[in-house]
Each structure stands twice: as structure tokens, then as C-alpha cells.
């Protein structure tokens, strides 16, 4: 179960990196637009990480 969970979250992190950091690095918009996109991507990373920690803590209690 844990291996499947880690694989799922690894795929999720890869997708966030590909679709989130790509526009930050290669955007032809203004610096402000890039910064806003970076902040949103970092918030998504934080939310996914917190979600993973909550699920792992829940699995340990079972």
C-alpha cells in the first residue's frame, strides 16, 4: 500500500514540476507574471506535501 502511495505521489510531483515549473522558466511574460506563477507552484508543492504527510500519518495509526 505504501509503495503504491509513494509511486502515486512521485508521479504527482513529476507532473507538478513539468507543468508548473516549465511556465516559470520558459514564460515570455513579465517578471511579475513569472513570480506569481512560481508562488502558485510552490503553494501546490506545499499542499501536496502536507497531504502526503497526513495520509502517511493516518496509515501509521491503522
PDB file of N, CA and C in Angstrom:
ATOM      1  N   UNK A   1       0.816  -1.190   0.000  1.00  0.00           N
ATOM      2  CA  UNK A   1       0.000   0.000   0.000  1.00  0.00           C
ATOM      3  C   UNK A   1       0.864   1.260   0.000  1.00  0.00           C
ATOM      4  N   UNK A   2       1.886   1.249   0.858  1.00  0.00           N
ATOM      5  CA  UNK A   2       2.751   2.425   0.923  1.00  0.00           C
ATOM      6  C   UNK A   2       3.526   2.644  -0.368  1.00  0.00           C
ATOM      7  N   UNK A   3       3.974   1.550  -0.975  1.00  0.00           N
ATOM      8  CA  UNK A   3       4.713   1.671  -2.229  1.00  0.00           C
ATOM      9  C   UNK A   3       3.870   2.297  -3.319  1.00  0.00           C
ATOM     10  N   UNK A   4       2.616   1.898  -3.384  1.00  0.00           N
ATOM     11  CA  UNK A   4       1.689   2.474  -4.355  1.00  0.00           C
ATOM     12  C   UNK A   4       1.453   3.952  -4.068  1.00  0.00           C
ATOM     13  N   UNK A   5       1.341   4.284  -2.798  1.00  0.00           N
ATOM     14  CA  UNK A   5       1.144   5.682  -2.405  1.00  0.00           C
ATOM     15  C   UNK A   5       2.350   6.536  -2.793  1.00  0.00           C
ATOM     16  N   UNK A   6       3.545   6.031  -2.517  1.00  0.00           N
ATOM     17  CA  UNK A   6       4.752   6.767  -2.890  1.00  0.00           C
ATOM     18  C   UNK A   6       4.863   6.917  -4.406  1.00  0.00           C
ATOM     19  N   UNK A   7       4.513   5.885  -5.141  1.00  0.00           N
ATOM     20  CA  UNK A   7       4.553   5.964  -6.606  1.00  0.00           C
ATOM     21  C   UNK A   7       3.562   6.998  -7.121  1.00  0.00           C
ATOM     22  N   UNK A   8       2.366   7.012  -6.541  1.00  0.00           N
ATOM     23  CA  UNK A   8       1.350   7.983  -6.943  1.00  0.00           C
ATOM     24  C   UNK A   8       1.817   9.412  -6.687  1.00  0.00           C
ATOM     25  N   UNK A   9       2.379   9.646  -5.515  1.00  0.00           N
ATOM     26  CA  UNK A   9       2.843  10.989  -5.199  1.00  0.00           C
ATOM     27  C   UNK A   9       4.086  11.363  -6.005  1.00  0.00           C
ATOM     28  N   UNK A  10       4.923  10.397  -6.352  1.00  0.00           N
ATOM     29  CA  UNK A  10       6.075  10.685  -7.211  1.00  0.00           C
ATOM     30  C   UNK A  10       5.602  11.155  -8.580  1.00  0.00           C
ATOM     31  N   UNK A  11       4.602  10.470  -9.120  1.00  0.00           N
ATOM     32  CA  UNK A  11       4.037  10.888 -10.409  1.00  0.00           C
ATOM     33  C   UNK A  11       3.418  12.276 -10.283  1.00  0.00           C
ATOM     34  N   UNK A  12       2.742  12.525  -9.173  1.00  0.00           N
ATOM     35  CA  UNK A  12       2.129  13.833  -8.948  1.00  0.00           C
ATOM     36  C   UNK A  12       3.187  14.932  -8.882  1.00  0.00           C
ATOM     37  N   UNK A  13       4.288  14.687  -8.174  1.00  0.00           N
ATOM     38  CA  UNK A  13       5.375  15.664  -8.109  1.00  0.00           C
ATOM     39  C   UNK A  13       5.998  15.903  -9.487  1.00  0.00           C
ATOM     40  N   UNK A  14       6.161  14.851 -10.267  1.00  0.00           N
ATOM     41  CA  UNK A  14       6.724  15.000 -11.612  1.00  0.00           C
ATOM     42  C   UNK A  14       5.810  15.841 -12.485  1.00  0.00           C
ATOM     43  N   UNK A  15       4.506  15.591 -12.405  1.00  0.00           N
ATOM     44  CA  UNK A  15       3.556  16.380 -13.198  1.00  0.00           C
ATOM     45  C   UNK A  15       3.538  17.844 -12.768  1.00  0.00           C
ATOM     46  N   UNK A  16       3.593  18.084 -11.465  1.00  0.00           N
ATOM     47  CA  UNK A  16       3.636  19.466 -10.981  1.00  0.00           C
ATOM     48  C   UNK A  16       4.907  20.146 -11.467  1.00  0.00           C
ATOM     49  N   UNK A  17       6.018  19.438 -11.423  1.00  0.00           N
ATOM     50  CA  UNK A  17       7.278  20.012 -11.887  1.00  0.00           C
ATOM     51  C   UNK A  17       7.220  20.323 -13.373  1.00  0.00           C
ATOM     52  N   UNK A  18       6.709  19.391 -14.155  1.00  0.00           N
ATOM     53  CA  UNK A  18       6.669  19.578 -15.608  1.00  0.00           C
ATOM     54  C   UNK A  18       5.730  20.715 -16.003  1.00  0.00           C
ATOM     55  N   UNK A  19       4.512  20.689 -15.486  1.00  0.00           N
ATOM     56  CA  UNK A  19       3.523  21.680 -15.893  1.00  0.00           C
ATOM     57  C   UNK A  19       3.583  22.963 -15.069  1.00  0.00           C
ATOM     58  N   UNK A  20       4.254  22.934 -13.934  1.00  0.00           N
ATOM     59  CA  UNK A  20       4.326  24.117 -13.086  1.00  0.00           C
ATOM     60  C   UNK A  20       5.597  24.911 -13.272  1.00  0.00           C
ATOM     61  N   UNK A  21       6.735  24.235 -13.218  1.00  0.00           N
ATOM     62  CA  UNK A  21       7.999  24.961 -13.327  1.00  0.00           C
ATOM     63  C   UNK A  21       8.357  25.290 -14.764  1.00  0.00           C
ATOM     64  N   UNK A  22       7.834  24.538 -15.714  1.00  0.00           N
ATOM     65  CA  UNK A  22       8.072  24.851 -17.127  1.00  0.00           C
ATOM     66  C   UNK A  22       7.636  26.260 -17.482  1.00  0.00           C
ATOM     67  N   UNK A  23       6.393  26.632 -17.166  1.00  0.00           N
ATOM     68  CA  UNK A  23       5.962  28.004 -17.452  1.00  0.00           C
ATOM     69  C   UNK A  23       6.745  29.064 -16.684  1.00  0.00           C
ATOM     70  N   UNK A  24       7.222  28.718 -15.499  1.00  0.00           N
ATOM     71  CA  UNK A  24       8.017  29.694 -14.741  1.00  0.00           C
ATOM     72  C   UNK A  24       9.344  29.944 -15.447  1.00  0.00           C
ATOM     73  N   UNK A  25       9.982  28.884 -15.916  1.00  0.00           N
ATOM     74  CA  UNK A  25      11.305  29.019 -16.524  1.00  0.00           C
ATOM     75  C   UNK A  25      11.256  29.535 -17.956  1.00  0.00           C
ATOM     76  N   UNK A  26      10.235  29.143 -18.703  1.00  0.00           N
ATOM     77  CA  UNK A  26      10.210  29.451 -20.129  1.00  0.00           C
ATOM     78  C   UNK A  26       9.127  30.445 -20.525  1.00  0.00           C
ATOM     79  N   UNK A  27       8.486  31.078 -19.568  1.00  0.00           N
ATOM     80  CA  UNK A  27       7.428  32.036 -19.895  1.00  0.00           C
ATOM     81  C   UNK A  27       8.037  33.279 -20.526  1.00  0.00           C
ATOM     82  N   UNK A  28       7.312  33.818 -21.493  1.00  0.00           N
ATOM     83  CA  UNK A  28       7.787  35.050 -22.115  1.00  0.00           C
ATOM     84  C   UNK A  28       6.994  36.243 -21.598  1.00  0.00           C
ATOM     85  N   UNK A  29       6.370  36.071 -20.447  1.00  0.00           N
ATOM     86  CA  UNK A  29       5.632  37.162 -19.821  1.00  0.00           C
ATOM     87  C   UNK A  29       6.567  38.019 -18.979  1.00  0.00           C
ATOM     88  N   UNK A  30       5.964  38.886 -18.210  1.00  0.00           N
ATOM     89  CA  UNK A  30       6.745  39.783 -17.369  1.00  0.00           C
ATOM     90  C   UNK A  30       7.310  39.023 -16.168  1.00  0.00           C
ATOM     91  N   UNK A  31       8.226  39.663 -15.502  1.00  0.00           N
ATOM     92  CA  UNK A  31       8.813  39.063 -14.307  1.00  0.00           C
ATOM     93  C   UNK A  31       7.778  38.871 -13.210  1.00  0.00           C
ATOM     94  N   UNK A  32       6.835  39.797 -13.152  1.00  0.00           N
ATOM     95  CA  UNK A  32       5.773  39.695 -12.151  1.00  0.00           C
ATOM     96  C   UNK A  32       4.901  38.459 -12.399  1.00  0.00           C
ATOM     97  N   UNK A  33       4.614  38.197 -13.664  1.00  0.00           N
ATOM     98  CA  UNK A  33       3.815  37.023 -14.016  1.00  0.00           C
ATOM     99  C   UNK A  33       4.563  35.738 -13.657  1.00  0.00           C
ATOM    100  N   UNK A  34       5.852  35.706 -13.916  1.00  0.00           N
ATOM    101  CA  UNK A  34       6.666  34.535 -13.561  1.00  0.00           C
ATOM    102  C   UNK A  34       6.691  34.319 -12.053  1.00  0.00           C
ATOM    103  N   UNK A  35       6.835  35.405 -11.318  1.00  0.00           N
ATOM    104  CA  UNK A  35       6.881  35.307  -9.862  1.00  0.00           C
ATOM    105  C   UNK A  35       5.553  34.805  -9.304  1.00  0.00           C
ATOM    106  N   UNK A  36       4.453  35.302  -9.831  1.00  0.00           N
ATOM    107  CA  UNK A  36       3.144  34.845  -9.382  1.00  0.00           C
ATOM    108  C   UNK A  36       2.957  33.360  -9.682  1.00  0.00           C
ATOM    109  N   UNK A  37       3.375  32.929 -10.861  1.00  0.00           N
ATOM    110  CA  UNK A  37       3.281  31.513 -11.218  1.00  0.00           C
ATOM    111  C   UNK A  37       4.152  30.673 -10.289  1.00  0.00           C
ATOM    112  N   UNK A  38       5.345  31.145  -9.972  1.00  0.00           N
ATOM    113  CA  UNK A  38       6.231  30.422  -9.057  1.00  0.00           C
ATOM    114  C   UNK A  38       5.605  30.287  -7.675  1.00  0.00           C
ATOM    115  N   UNK A  39       4.992  31.343  -7.186  1.00  0.00           N
ATOM    116  CA  UNK A  39       4.348  31.291  -5.872  1.00  0.00           C
ATOM    117  C   UNK A  39       3.219  30.265  -5.865  1.00  0.00           C
ATOM    118  N   UNK A  40       2.417  30.259  -6.926  1.00  0.00           N
ATOM    119  CA  UNK A  40       1.316  29.288  -7.018  1.00  0.00           C
ATOM    120  C   UNK A  40       1.865  27.865  -7.063  1.00  0.00           C
ATOM    121  N   UNK A  41       2.915  27.644  -7.831  1.00  0.00           N
ATOM    122  CA  UNK A  41       3.509  26.303  -7.933  1.00  0.00           C
ATOM    123  C   UNK A  41       4.072  25.865  -6.582  1.00  0.00           C
ATOM    124  N   UNK A  42       4.722  26.760  -5.871  1.00  0.00           N
ATOM    125  CA  UNK A  42       5.256  26.411  -4.552  1.00  0.00           C
ATOM    126  C   UNK A  42       4.139  26.095  -3.563  1.00  0.00           C
ATOM    127  N   UNK A  43       3.029  26.816  -3.656  1.00  0.00           N
ATOM    128  CA  UNK A  43       1.879  26.515  -2.801  1.00  0.00           C
ATOM    129  C   UNK A  43       1.294  25.141  -3.124  1.00  0.00           C
ATOM    130  N   UNK A  44       1.267  24.786  -4.407  1.00  0.00           N
ATOM    131  CA  UNK A  44       0.781  23.462  -4.801  1.00  0.00           C
ATOM    132  C   UNK A  44       1.714  22.377  -4.265  1.00  0.00           C
ATOM    133  N   UNK A  45       3.037  22.601  -4.374  1.00  0.00           N
ATOM    134  CA  UNK A  45       4.001  21.652  -3.798  1.00  0.00           C
ATOM    135  C   UNK A  45       3.753  21.485  -2.294  1.00  0.00           C
ATOM    136  N   UNK A  46       3.556  22.595  -1.602  1.00  0.00           N
ATOM    137  CA  UNK A  46       3.328  22.535  -0.155  1.00  0.00           C
ATOM    138  C   UNK A  46       2.052  21.766   0.165  1.00  0.00           C
ATOM    139  N   UNK A  47       0.985  22.010  -0.588  1.00  0.00           N
ATOM    140  CA  UNK A  47      -0.281  21.317  -0.343  1.00  0.00           C
ATOM    141  C   UNK A  47      -0.145  19.818  -0.582  1.00  0.00           C
ATOM    142  N   UNK A  48       0.555  19.435  -1.636  1.00  0.00           N
ATOM    143  CA  UNK A  48       0.748  18.010  -1.929  1.00  0.00           C
ATOM    144  C   UNK A  48       1.599  17.359  -0.843  1.00  0.00           C
ATOM    145  N   UNK A  49       2.625  18.045  -0.384  1.00  0.00           N
ATOM    146  CA  UNK A  49       3.489  17.507   0.668  1.00  0.00           C
ATOM    147  C   UNK A  49       2.723  17.339   1.974  1.00  0.00           C
ATOM    148  N   UNK A  50       1.925  18.333   2.332  1.00  0.00           N
ATOM    149  CA  UNK A  50       1.116  18.229   3.551  1.00  0.00           C
ATOM    150  C   UNK A  50       0.117  17.084   3.415  1.00  0.00           C
ATOM    151  N   UNK A  51      -0.482  16.956   2.247  1.00  0.00           N
ATOM    152  CA  UNK A  51      -1.413  15.849   2.017  1.00  0.00           C
ATOM    153  C   UNK A  51      -0.743  14.498   2.170  1.00  0.00           C
ATOM    154  N   UNK A  52       0.458  14.364   1.635  1.00  0.00           N
ATOM    155  CA  UNK A  52       1.205  13.109   1.765  1.00  0.00           C
ATOM    156  C   UNK A  52       1.511  12.811   3.225  1.00  0.00           C
ATOM    157  N   UNK A  53       1.934  13.819   3.965  1.00  0.00           N
ATOM    158  CA  UNK A  53       2.259  13.611   5.381  1.00  0.00           C
ATOM    159  C   UNK A  53       1.029  13.205   6.184  1.00  0.00           C
ATOM    160  N   UNK A  54      -0.112  13.819   5.879  1.00  0.00           N
ATOM    161  CA  UNK A  54      -1.354  13.473   6.583  1.00  0.00           C
ATOM    162  C   UNK A  54      -1.755  12.037   6.278  1.00  0.00           C
ATOM    163  N   UNK A  55      -1.674  11.646   5.018  1.00  0.00           N
ATOM    164  CA  UNK A  55      -2.039  10.276   4.642  1.00  0.00           C
ATOM    165  C   UNK A  55      -1.092   9.268   5.284  1.00  0.00           C
ATOM    166  N   UNK A  56       0.207   9.563   5.285  1.00  0.00           N
ATOM    167  CA  UNK A  56       1.164   8.637   5.908  1.00  0.00           C
ATOM    168  C   UNK A  56       0.923   8.522   7.411  1.00  0.00           C
ATOM    169  N   UNK A  57       0.618   9.638   8.059  1.00  0.00           N
ATOM    170  CA  UNK A  57       0.332   9.601   9.489  1.00  0.00           C
ATOM    171  C   UNK A  57      -0.931   8.784   9.757  1.00  0.00           C
ATOM    172  N   UNK A  58      -1.929   8.933   8.897  1.00  0.00           N
ATOM    173  CA  UNK A  58      -3.171   8.175   9.043  1.00  0.00           C
ATOM    174  C   UNK A  58      -2.915   6.676   8.849  1.00  0.00           C
ATOM    175  N   UNK A  59      -2.045   6.341   7.887  1.00  0.00           N
ATOM    176  CA  UNK A  59      -1.738   4.927   7.644  1.00  0.00           C
ATOM    177  C   UNK A  59      -0.967   4.305   8.809  1.00  0.00           C
ATOM    178  N   UNK A  60      -0.128   5.089   9.476  1.00  0.00           N
ATOM    179  CA  UNK A  60       0.631   4.564  10.614  1.00  0.00           C
ATOM    180  C   UNK A  60      -0.279   4.230  11.787  1.00  0.00           C
ATOM    181  N   UNK A  61      -1.349   4.994  11.945  1.00  0.00           N
ATOM    182  CA  UNK A  61      -2.273   4.763  13.056  1.00  0.00           C
ATOM    183  C   UNK A  61      -3.108   3.512  12.856  1.00  0.00           C
ATOM    184  N   UNK A  62      -3.311   3.112  11.616  1.00  0.00           N
ATOM    185  CA  UNK A  62      -4.148   1.935  11.326  1.00  0.00           C
ATOM    186  C   UNK A  62      -3.489   0.666  11.714  1.00  0.00           C
TER     187      UNK A  62
END
